[in-house]
Amino acid sequence: MKYQYSKETKTFKVQVALQQGDTLTASSAQKRFGVKNLGAEISRIRANGFAVATISRKAGNGVQVTEYALTKPSRQLIAAGYKALAVGLI
C-alpha cells in the first residue's frame, strides 16, 4: 500500500493505529501521538481512500465524546465513488 504521507507524520501514526483496530478520541490521539486536531488527520486519511466511521457517544460523566474507527466502506459509499468517476468528478 502506498501512502500519500511519510511514516514520520502524525497522520501515518493515526492511520496505523486505526488499521490495528484501535478506536481513537481527540484525547487519546493527543496523548499517544501529540495530535491537536484529530478531525484534520481523519480527513487526510479519508482522502487517501479509507473508510473511517465517526461514532458519537456519551461518556459516563455525561460528556459527549467523538470516536473514530476504521470500517469497511458501505455499498452506498462505493456506489457514490463509482458515480463520481462516471461523471468525471474524480
N, C-alpha and C. Protein backbone atom coordinates (compact mmCIF):
# COMPACT_ATOMS: atom_id res chain seq x y z
N MET A 1 0.83 -1.17 0.00
CA MET A 1 0.00 0.00 0.00
C MET A 1 0.88 1.23 0.00
N LYS A 2 0.58 2.17 -0.89
CA LYS A 2 1.34 3.41 -0.96
C LYS A 2 0.59 4.50 -0.20
N TYR A 3 1.31 5.16 0.69
CA TYR A 3 0.72 6.24 1.48
C TYR A 3 1.10 7.58 0.86
N GLN A 4 0.25 8.55 1.02
CA GLN A 4 0.49 9.88 0.50
C GLN A 4 1.27 10.74 1.49
N TYR A 5 1.70 10.18 2.60
CA TYR A 5 2.42 10.91 3.63
C TYR A 5 3.49 9.99 4.19
N SER A 6 4.53 10.59 4.76
CA SER A 6 5.66 9.78 5.24
C SER A 6 5.34 9.10 6.57
N LYS A 7 6.14 8.12 6.89
CA LYS A 7 5.92 7.31 8.08
C LYS A 7 6.18 8.08 9.38
N GLU A 8 6.82 9.23 9.29
CA GLU A 8 7.10 10.02 10.49
C GLU A 8 5.94 10.93 10.89
N THR A 9 4.95 11.08 10.02
CA THR A 9 3.87 12.03 10.29
C THR A 9 2.87 11.49 11.29
N LYS A 10 2.17 12.42 11.92
CA LYS A 10 1.11 12.05 12.85
C LYS A 10 -0.03 11.35 12.11
N THR A 11 -0.28 11.78 10.88
CA THR A 11 -1.34 11.16 10.08
C THR A 11 -1.05 9.67 9.90
N PHE A 12 0.18 9.34 9.57
CA PHE A 12 0.56 7.94 9.38
C PHE A 12 0.37 7.16 10.67
N LYS A 13 0.79 7.73 11.79
CA LYS A 13 0.67 7.04 13.08
C LYS A 13 -0.79 6.81 13.46
N VAL A 14 -1.65 7.79 13.20
CA VAL A 14 -3.08 7.63 13.47
C VAL A 14 -3.66 6.55 12.58
N GLN A 15 -3.29 6.55 11.29
CA GLN A 15 -3.81 5.55 10.37
C GLN A 15 -3.40 4.14 10.79
N VAL A 16 -2.16 3.96 11.18
CA VAL A 16 -1.68 2.64 11.61
C VAL A 16 -2.47 2.18 12.84
N ALA A 17 -2.70 3.09 13.77
CA ALA A 17 -3.46 2.73 14.97
C ALA A 17 -4.88 2.28 14.59
N LEU A 18 -5.51 3.00 13.67
CA LEU A 18 -6.85 2.62 13.22
C LEU A 18 -6.83 1.27 12.51
N GLN A 19 -5.81 1.04 11.68
CA GLN A 19 -5.70 -0.24 10.97
C GLN A 19 -5.46 -1.40 11.93
N GLN A 20 -4.89 -1.13 13.09
CA GLN A 20 -4.68 -2.17 14.08
C GLN A 20 -5.92 -2.42 14.93
N GLY A 21 -7.01 -1.71 14.62
CA GLY A 21 -8.26 -1.94 15.31
C GLY A 21 -8.53 -1.00 16.46
N ASP A 22 -7.67 -0.02 16.67
CA ASP A 22 -7.89 0.94 17.76
C ASP A 22 -9.01 1.90 17.40
N THR A 23 -9.70 2.38 18.42
CA THR A 23 -10.67 3.45 18.31
C THR A 23 -10.03 4.66 18.97
N LEU A 24 -10.06 5.81 18.30
CA LEU A 24 -9.38 6.99 18.82
C LEU A 24 -10.36 8.12 19.11
N THR A 25 -10.10 8.81 20.20
CA THR A 25 -10.79 10.06 20.53
C THR A 25 -9.75 11.17 20.43
N ALA A 26 -10.20 12.41 20.46
CA ALA A 26 -9.26 13.54 20.43
C ALA A 26 -8.29 13.45 21.60
N SER A 27 -8.79 13.07 22.75
CA SER A 27 -7.95 12.97 23.95
C SER A 27 -6.90 11.86 23.81
N SER A 28 -7.32 10.70 23.33
CA SER A 28 -6.36 9.59 23.21
C SER A 28 -5.33 9.86 22.11
N ALA A 29 -5.74 10.53 21.03
CA ALA A 29 -4.80 10.86 19.96
C ALA A 29 -3.79 11.91 20.43
N GLN A 30 -4.25 12.83 21.27
CA GLN A 30 -3.34 13.84 21.83
C GLN A 30 -2.29 13.18 22.72
N LYS A 31 -2.74 12.27 23.57
CA LYS A 31 -1.82 11.60 24.50
C LYS A 31 -0.83 10.68 23.77
N ARG A 32 -1.32 9.91 22.80
CA ARG A 32 -0.48 8.92 22.13
C ARG A 32 0.43 9.49 21.07
N PHE A 33 -0.09 10.47 20.30
CA PHE A 33 0.64 10.94 19.12
C PHE A 33 0.91 12.44 19.10
N GLY A 34 0.39 13.17 20.07
CA GLY A 34 0.56 14.62 20.07
C GLY A 34 -0.32 15.33 19.06
N VAL A 35 -1.39 14.68 18.63
CA VAL A 35 -2.30 15.24 17.63
C VAL A 35 -3.21 16.26 18.31
N LYS A 36 -3.23 17.48 17.78
CA LYS A 36 -4.08 18.52 18.35
C LYS A 36 -5.41 18.65 17.64
N ASN A 37 -5.47 18.24 16.36
CA ASN A 37 -6.70 18.32 15.59
C ASN A 37 -6.94 16.97 14.92
N LEU A 38 -7.58 16.06 15.65
CA LEU A 38 -7.80 14.71 15.13
C LEU A 38 -8.70 14.73 13.90
N GLY A 39 -9.66 15.63 13.86
CA GLY A 39 -10.55 15.73 12.69
C GLY A 39 -9.78 15.97 11.40
N ALA A 40 -8.74 16.80 11.46
CA ALA A 40 -7.92 17.07 10.27
C ALA A 40 -7.16 15.82 9.84
N GLU A 41 -6.64 15.08 10.80
CA GLU A 41 -5.93 13.84 10.48
C GLU A 41 -6.87 12.83 9.85
N ILE A 42 -8.08 12.73 10.40
CA ILE A 42 -9.08 11.80 9.86
C ILE A 42 -9.45 12.21 8.43
N SER A 43 -9.57 13.50 8.16
CA SER A 43 -9.88 13.97 6.81
C SER A 43 -8.80 13.55 5.82
N ARG A 44 -7.54 13.66 6.22
CA ARG A 44 -6.44 13.24 5.36
C ARG A 44 -6.49 11.74 5.08
N ILE A 45 -6.82 10.97 6.11
CA ILE A 45 -6.89 9.51 5.96
C ILE A 45 -8.04 9.15 5.03
N ARG A 46 -9.18 9.80 5.20
CA ARG A 46 -10.32 9.56 4.31
C ARG A 46 -9.99 9.94 2.87
N ALA A 47 -9.25 11.04 2.69
CA ALA A 47 -8.88 11.48 1.35
C ALA A 47 -7.97 10.47 0.65
N ASN A 48 -7.32 9.62 1.42
CA ASN A 48 -6.47 8.57 0.87
C ASN A 48 -7.24 7.27 0.66
N GLY A 49 -8.57 7.32 0.78
CA GLY A 49 -9.39 6.18 0.41
C GLY A 49 -9.80 5.24 1.52
N PHE A 50 -9.63 5.64 2.76
CA PHE A 50 -10.01 4.77 3.88
C PHE A 50 -11.35 5.21 4.45
N ALA A 51 -12.19 4.22 4.78
CA ALA A 51 -13.49 4.49 5.37
C ALA A 51 -13.31 4.58 6.89
N VAL A 52 -13.46 5.78 7.42
CA VAL A 52 -13.33 5.99 8.86
C VAL A 52 -14.69 6.41 9.39
N ALA A 53 -15.20 5.65 10.34
CA ALA A 53 -16.51 5.94 10.92
C ALA A 53 -16.36 6.93 12.06
N THR A 54 -17.34 7.82 12.20
CA THR A 54 -17.42 8.75 13.32
C THR A 54 -18.50 8.22 14.25
N ILE A 55 -18.13 7.99 15.49
CA ILE A 55 -19.05 7.42 16.47
C ILE A 55 -19.21 8.42 17.61
N SER A 56 -20.43 8.90 17.83
CA SER A 56 -20.69 9.83 18.93
C SER A 56 -21.35 9.06 20.06
N ARG A 57 -20.87 9.32 21.27
CA ARG A 57 -21.46 8.66 22.44
C ARG A 57 -21.31 9.57 23.65
N LYS A 58 -22.05 9.25 24.70
CA LYS A 58 -21.91 9.99 25.95
C LYS A 58 -21.06 9.17 26.90
N ALA A 59 -20.07 9.82 27.47
CA ALA A 59 -19.21 9.16 28.45
C ALA A 59 -19.97 9.01 29.77
N GLY A 60 -19.39 8.28 30.69
CA GLY A 60 -20.03 8.04 31.99
C GLY A 60 -20.35 9.32 32.74
N ASN A 61 -19.57 10.37 32.51
CA ASN A 61 -19.82 11.64 33.20
C ASN A 61 -20.77 12.56 32.43
N GLY A 62 -21.37 12.06 31.35
CA GLY A 62 -22.35 12.81 30.59
C GLY A 62 -21.78 13.66 29.48
N VAL A 63 -20.48 13.65 29.30
CA VAL A 63 -19.83 14.45 28.27
C VAL A 63 -19.95 13.73 26.92
N GLN A 64 -20.26 14.49 25.86
CA GLN A 64 -20.33 13.94 24.51
C GLN A 64 -18.92 13.67 24.00
N VAL A 65 -18.66 12.45 23.52
CA VAL A 65 -17.34 12.05 23.04
C VAL A 65 -17.47 11.57 21.59
N THR A 66 -16.53 11.98 20.75
CA THR A 66 -16.49 11.52 19.37
C THR A 66 -15.32 10.57 19.22
N GLU A 67 -15.59 9.38 18.70
CA GLU A 67 -14.56 8.38 18.46
C GLU A 67 -14.48 8.11 16.96
N TYR A 68 -13.31 7.68 16.53
CA TYR A 68 -13.10 7.33 15.13
C TYR A 68 -12.58 5.91 15.05
N ALA A 69 -13.10 5.15 14.08
CA ALA A 69 -12.67 3.76 13.88
C ALA A 69 -12.67 3.47 12.38
N LEU A 70 -11.73 2.64 11.97
CA LEU A 70 -11.67 2.22 10.58
C LEU A 70 -12.75 1.18 10.34
N THR A 71 -13.49 1.34 9.26
CA THR A 71 -14.59 0.42 8.96
C THR A 71 -14.50 -0.03 7.51
N LYS A 72 -15.32 -1.00 7.19
CA LYS A 72 -15.46 -1.44 5.80
C LYS A 72 -16.42 -0.45 5.13
N PRO A 73 -16.08 0.04 3.93
CA PRO A 73 -16.98 1.00 3.27
C PRO A 73 -18.32 0.36 2.92
N SER A 74 -19.36 1.14 3.05
CA SER A 74 -20.70 0.63 2.72
C SER A 74 -20.87 0.55 1.21
N ARG A 75 -21.84 -0.23 0.77
CA ARG A 75 -22.14 -0.32 -0.66
C ARG A 75 -22.54 1.04 -1.20
N GLN A 76 -23.24 1.82 -0.38
CA GLN A 76 -23.68 3.15 -0.79
C GLN A 76 -22.47 4.06 -1.05
N LEU A 77 -21.47 3.98 -0.20
CA LEU A 77 -20.27 4.80 -0.37
C LEU A 77 -19.50 4.39 -1.63
N ILE A 78 -19.39 3.10 -1.86
CA ILE A 78 -18.70 2.61 -3.06
C ILE A 78 -19.46 3.03 -4.31
N ALA A 79 -20.79 2.93 -4.26
CA ALA A 79 -21.61 3.34 -5.41
C ALA A 79 -21.43 4.83 -5.70
N ALA A 80 -21.36 5.65 -4.66
CA ALA A 80 -21.16 7.09 -4.84
C ALA A 80 -19.81 7.35 -5.52
N GLY A 81 -18.80 6.61 -5.13
CA GLY A 81 -17.48 6.75 -5.76
C GLY A 81 -17.53 6.41 -7.24
N TYR A 82 -18.18 5.33 -7.58
CA TYR A 82 -18.30 4.95 -8.99
C TYR A 82 -19.10 6.01 -9.77
N LYS A 83 -20.15 6.55 -9.18
CA LYS A 83 -20.93 7.59 -9.86
C LYS A 83 -20.07 8.83 -10.09
N ALA A 84 -19.26 9.20 -9.11
CA ALA A 84 -18.37 10.36 -9.26
C ALA A 84 -17.36 10.12 -10.38
N LEU A 85 -16.84 8.91 -10.47
CA LEU A 85 -15.92 8.57 -11.56
C LEU A 85 -16.62 8.66 -12.92
N ALA A 86 -17.87 8.18 -12.97
CA ALA A 86 -18.60 8.13 -14.23
C ALA A 86 -18.88 9.54 -14.79
N VAL A 87 -19.10 10.49 -13.92
CA VAL A 87 -19.41 11.84 -14.40
C VAL A 87 -18.17 12.74 -14.44
N GLY A 88 -17.01 12.16 -14.14
CA GLY A 88 -15.76 12.90 -14.27
C GLY A 88 -15.37 13.76 -13.10
N LEU A 89 -15.98 13.54 -11.95
CA LEU A 89 -15.63 14.34 -10.78
C LEU A 89 -14.28 13.93 -10.17
N ILE A 90 -13.87 12.72 -10.45
CA ILE A 90 -12.60 12.22 -9.90
C ILE A 90 -11.67 11.89 -11.05
